[in-house]
Protein backbone atom coordinates (compact mmCIF):
# COMPACT_ATOMS: atom_id res chain seq x y z
CA MET A 1 -81.77 -35.20 -59.35
CA ARG A 2 -78.85 -32.72 -57.78
CA LEU A 3 -75.57 -33.41 -59.44
CA VAL A 4 -73.36 -32.17 -56.26
CA ARG A 5 -69.56 -32.04 -55.90
CA TRP A 6 -68.31 -33.55 -52.43
CA THR A 7 -65.81 -33.02 -49.84
CA PRO A 8 -64.18 -35.58 -48.05
CA ASP A 9 -66.04 -35.50 -45.04
CA ASP A 10 -69.53 -35.54 -46.95
CA LEU A 11 -68.45 -38.89 -48.34
CA VAL A 12 -68.04 -39.96 -44.78
CA ARG A 13 -70.90 -39.04 -43.33
CA ARG A 14 -72.50 -40.47 -46.24
CA LEU A 15 -71.12 -44.12 -46.39
CA ASP A 16 -73.30 -45.91 -44.95
CA ASP A 17 -75.48 -44.87 -48.40
CA VAL A 18 -72.26 -44.84 -50.43
CA VAL A 19 -72.08 -48.37 -49.60
CA ALA A 20 -75.52 -49.61 -50.15
CA VAL A 21 -75.62 -48.19 -53.77
CA TYR A 22 -72.21 -49.65 -54.31
CA GLY A 23 -73.33 -53.22 -53.05
CA GLU A 24 -76.55 -52.79 -55.51
CA ALA A 25 -74.67 -51.24 -58.35
CA MET A 26 -71.60 -54.43 -58.36
CA GLY A 27 -74.59 -57.15 -56.52
CA TYR A 28 -71.47 -58.00 -53.91
CA ARG A 29 -72.49 -59.68 -51.18
CA ALA A 30 -73.24 -58.49 -47.14
CA ASP A 31 -69.58 -59.36 -45.22
CA LEU A 32 -67.69 -57.85 -48.89
CA LEU A 33 -69.59 -54.52 -48.40
CA LYS A 34 -68.17 -54.73 -44.88
CA ALA A 35 -64.23 -54.88 -45.53
CA ARG A 36 -65.42 -52.44 -48.53
CA ARG A 37 -66.59 -49.84 -45.96
CA GLY A 38 -63.42 -49.93 -44.67
CA TYR A 39 -60.76 -49.13 -47.58
CA ILE A 40 -63.94 -46.41 -49.32
CA ALA A 41 -62.94 -44.56 -45.35
CA THR A 42 -59.58 -43.88 -46.27
CA HIS A 43 -60.07 -43.26 -49.85
CA VAL A 44 -60.65 -40.05 -48.80
CA ARG A 45 -57.49 -39.20 -47.63
CA ARG A 46 -55.97 -40.08 -50.42
CA PRO A 47 -54.04 -37.17 -52.52
CA GLY A 48 -55.68 -35.43 -55.45
CA PHE A 49 -59.18 -36.89 -53.64
CA ARG A 50 -62.50 -35.90 -55.82
CA ALA A 51 -65.82 -36.97 -55.02
CA VAL A 52 -69.39 -36.68 -57.02
CA ALA A 53 -72.78 -38.48 -56.24
CA SER A 54 -75.80 -38.03 -57.72
CA LEU A 55 -79.38 -37.08 -54.77
CA THR A 56 -82.82 -36.70 -55.39
CA SER A 57 -85.36 -34.02 -54.52
CA GLU A 58 -85.19 -35.41 -50.68
CA GLY A 59 -81.91 -36.25 -50.71
CA HIS A 60 -81.10 -39.87 -50.99
CA LEU A 61 -78.09 -40.87 -52.89
CA ALA A 62 -78.84 -42.27 -55.98
CA GLY A 63 -74.99 -42.43 -57.58
CA PHE A 64 -71.62 -41.26 -56.73
CA GLY A 65 -68.35 -41.74 -58.03
CA TYR A 66 -65.17 -40.49 -56.60
CA GLY A 67 -61.07 -41.14 -57.16
CA TYR A 68 -57.95 -39.85 -56.48
CA LEU A 69 -54.02 -39.35 -57.94
CA GLY A 70 -52.59 -43.39 -57.92
CA THR A 71 -49.28 -43.35 -55.96
CA PRO A 72 -46.87 -46.10 -55.59
CA GLY A 73 -47.79 -48.07 -52.61
CA GLN A 74 -51.07 -48.14 -53.26
CA TRP A 75 -53.27 -51.28 -53.45
CA TRP A 76 -54.95 -51.50 -57.36
CA HIS A 77 -52.07 -48.57 -58.48
CA ASP A 78 -49.35 -51.57 -57.85
CA GLN A 79 -51.36 -54.25 -59.19
CA VAL A 80 -51.38 -52.57 -62.25
CA GLY A 81 -48.57 -51.76 -62.70
CA ARG A 82 -46.41 -54.77 -62.19
CA MET A 83 -48.28 -56.16 -65.60
CA LEU A 84 -47.88 -53.26 -68.06
CA ASP A 85 -44.60 -52.75 -69.57
CA PRO A 86 -41.88 -50.14 -68.27
CA ALA A 87 -43.00 -47.03 -71.14
CA THR A 88 -46.41 -48.18 -70.53
CA ARG A 89 -46.32 -47.75 -66.82
CA ARG A 90 -44.72 -44.65 -66.99
CA ARG A 91 -47.39 -43.55 -70.04
CA TRP A 92 -50.13 -44.29 -67.58
CA LEU A 93 -49.57 -44.15 -64.03
CA ALA A 94 -46.96 -41.14 -63.67
CA SER A 95 -49.61 -38.67 -63.13
CA CYS A 96 -52.68 -40.36 -62.83
CA PHE A 97 -55.91 -40.05 -61.35
CA GLU A 98 -57.74 -43.63 -60.53
CA VAL A 99 -61.72 -43.16 -60.66
CA VAL A 100 -62.26 -45.46 -58.08
CA GLU A 101 -66.08 -46.27 -58.27
CA LEU A 102 -68.83 -45.41 -60.34
CA HIS A 103 -72.00 -46.53 -59.63
CA VAL A 104 -75.54 -45.35 -59.72
CA ARG A 105 -78.38 -47.34 -57.72
CA PRO A 106 -79.57 -49.77 -60.56
CA PRO A 107 -83.49 -48.55 -60.66
CA ALA A 108 -81.75 -45.04 -61.47
CA GLN A 109 -79.68 -46.74 -64.50
CA GLY A 110 -80.22 -45.79 -67.87
CA HIS A 111 -80.94 -42.08 -67.51
CA GLY A 112 -77.76 -40.34 -67.93
CA LEU A 113 -76.54 -40.22 -64.15
CA GLY A 114 -73.57 -42.08 -64.38
CA ALA A 115 -72.46 -40.08 -67.57
CA GLY A 116 -73.03 -36.44 -65.76
CA GLN A 117 -71.64 -38.21 -62.22
CA LEU A 118 -68.02 -39.51 -64.63
CA ARG A 119 -67.72 -36.18 -66.62
CA ALA A 120 -68.06 -34.38 -63.00
CA LEU A 121 -65.57 -36.04 -61.48
CA LEU A 122 -62.91 -35.96 -64.31
CA GLY A 123 -63.52 -31.94 -64.62
CA ILE A 124 -62.20 -31.67 -61.54
CA ALA A 125 -59.45 -35.31 -61.72
CA GLU A 126 -56.25 -33.82 -60.98
CA GLY A 127 -53.95 -35.84 -63.50
CA SER A 128 -52.70 -35.49 -67.09
CA THR A 129 -54.31 -39.36 -68.16
CA THR A 130 -56.87 -41.13 -65.69
CA LEU A 131 -57.34 -45.11 -65.26
CA LEU A 132 -60.14 -47.34 -64.04
CA SER A 133 -61.49 -51.38 -63.63
CA THR A 134 -64.63 -53.19 -64.60
CA PRO A 135 -66.02 -56.20 -65.36
CA GLU A 136 -65.51 -57.59 -68.13
CA ALA A 137 -68.69 -58.12 -69.98
CA ASP A 138 -70.08 -57.45 -73.83
CA GLU A 139 -69.37 -54.35 -74.68
CA GLN A 140 -72.54 -54.09 -76.41
CA GLN A 141 -74.50 -54.96 -73.33
CA SER A 142 -73.32 -53.41 -70.46
CA ARG A 143 -73.91 -49.45 -70.05
CA ALA A 144 -70.89 -48.85 -68.10
CA TRP A 145 -68.65 -50.13 -70.93
CA ARG A 146 -70.88 -47.90 -73.30
CA LEU A 147 -70.28 -45.76 -71.22
CA TYR A 148 -66.52 -45.64 -71.32
CA ARG A 149 -66.31 -45.93 -74.85
CA ARG A 150 -68.82 -42.94 -75.51
CA PHE A 151 -66.03 -41.32 -73.12
CA GLY A 152 -62.98 -42.14 -75.26
CA PHE A 153 -61.95 -44.76 -72.35
CA MET A 154 -59.38 -47.54 -74.53
CA ASP A 155 -58.19 -50.46 -73.20
CA VAL A 156 -54.73 -50.59 -71.43
CA LEU A 157 -55.31 -54.36 -69.82
CA ARG A 158 -57.84 -56.76 -70.48
CA ASP A 159 -59.34 -59.82 -68.49
CA PHE A 160 -57.13 -58.71 -66.10
CA ARG A 161 -57.63 -60.54 -62.76
CA PHE A 162 -57.11 -58.30 -59.01
CA PRO A 163 -56.65 -60.90 -55.99
CA GLY A 164 -59.57 -62.20 -53.96
CA ASP A 165 -61.52 -61.72 -57.35
CA GLU A 166 -62.46 -64.26 -59.80
CA ARG A 167 -63.58 -62.12 -62.14
CA PRO A 168 -61.75 -60.72 -65.15
CA PHE A 169 -61.36 -57.11 -65.28
CA GLY A 170 -60.80 -54.55 -68.30
CA VAL A 171 -58.78 -51.41 -67.26
CA LEU A 172 -58.98 -48.40 -69.44
CA GLY A 173 -57.44 -45.28 -69.54
CA ARG A 174 -58.26 -42.00 -71.50
CA ASP A 175 -55.86 -38.81 -71.23
CA LEU A 176 -56.79 -35.40 -69.07
CA PRO A 177 -58.44 -32.94 -69.30
CA LEU A 178 -61.51 -33.49 -70.83
CA PRO A 179 -62.98 -31.82 -74.23
CA PRO A 180 -65.52 -29.70 -73.53
CA PRO A 181 -69.07 -31.55 -73.86
CA ALA A 182 -70.36 -31.72 -77.96
CA ALA A 183 -73.36 -28.81 -78.76
CA SER A 184 -75.15 -32.10 -79.10
CA GLY A 185 -74.66 -32.76 -75.70
CA ARG A 186 -73.76 -36.70 -75.91
CA ALA A 187 -70.19 -37.74 -74.01
CA PRO A 188 -66.81 -36.82 -75.79
CA THR A 189 -64.83 -39.46 -78.24
């Protein structure tokens, strides 16, 4: 497995693969994936865009992650920002790298790919904070929640509902930059 940094053009070239991994990891219907494809293609033009990918030795996409600097007028930024009081909004959103997507194909999960992708992505991110949203789940059972907690993400909003998705989400954040990896190779705490 190879972890690589992607340019916007790299992600667009592999958009079919990206959408397939996204759909597998999130369990979304095909009609939703068609709309998501368009969103992802526009995200590559956002300020501070960064992306990473995990590729098999044959070049198949096993996982990916990307994000960008959040700014007023962006849908996710505004949805989250309207729920925060002014001081909390300034603290988290003033210079924020939004982790928009971080996914690993289900058969490849549990082998450290997500942690590698997250560390690499946050290592090249701009901004003084980072935020992400993830579906609410049992934190002890969910690989995603365990990963984010190992990386020191804290609660910013819980049980938040985005328009168009009936599931509740947690919005999690942490300061940047990440500390260097611990000697044990474990994610930061």
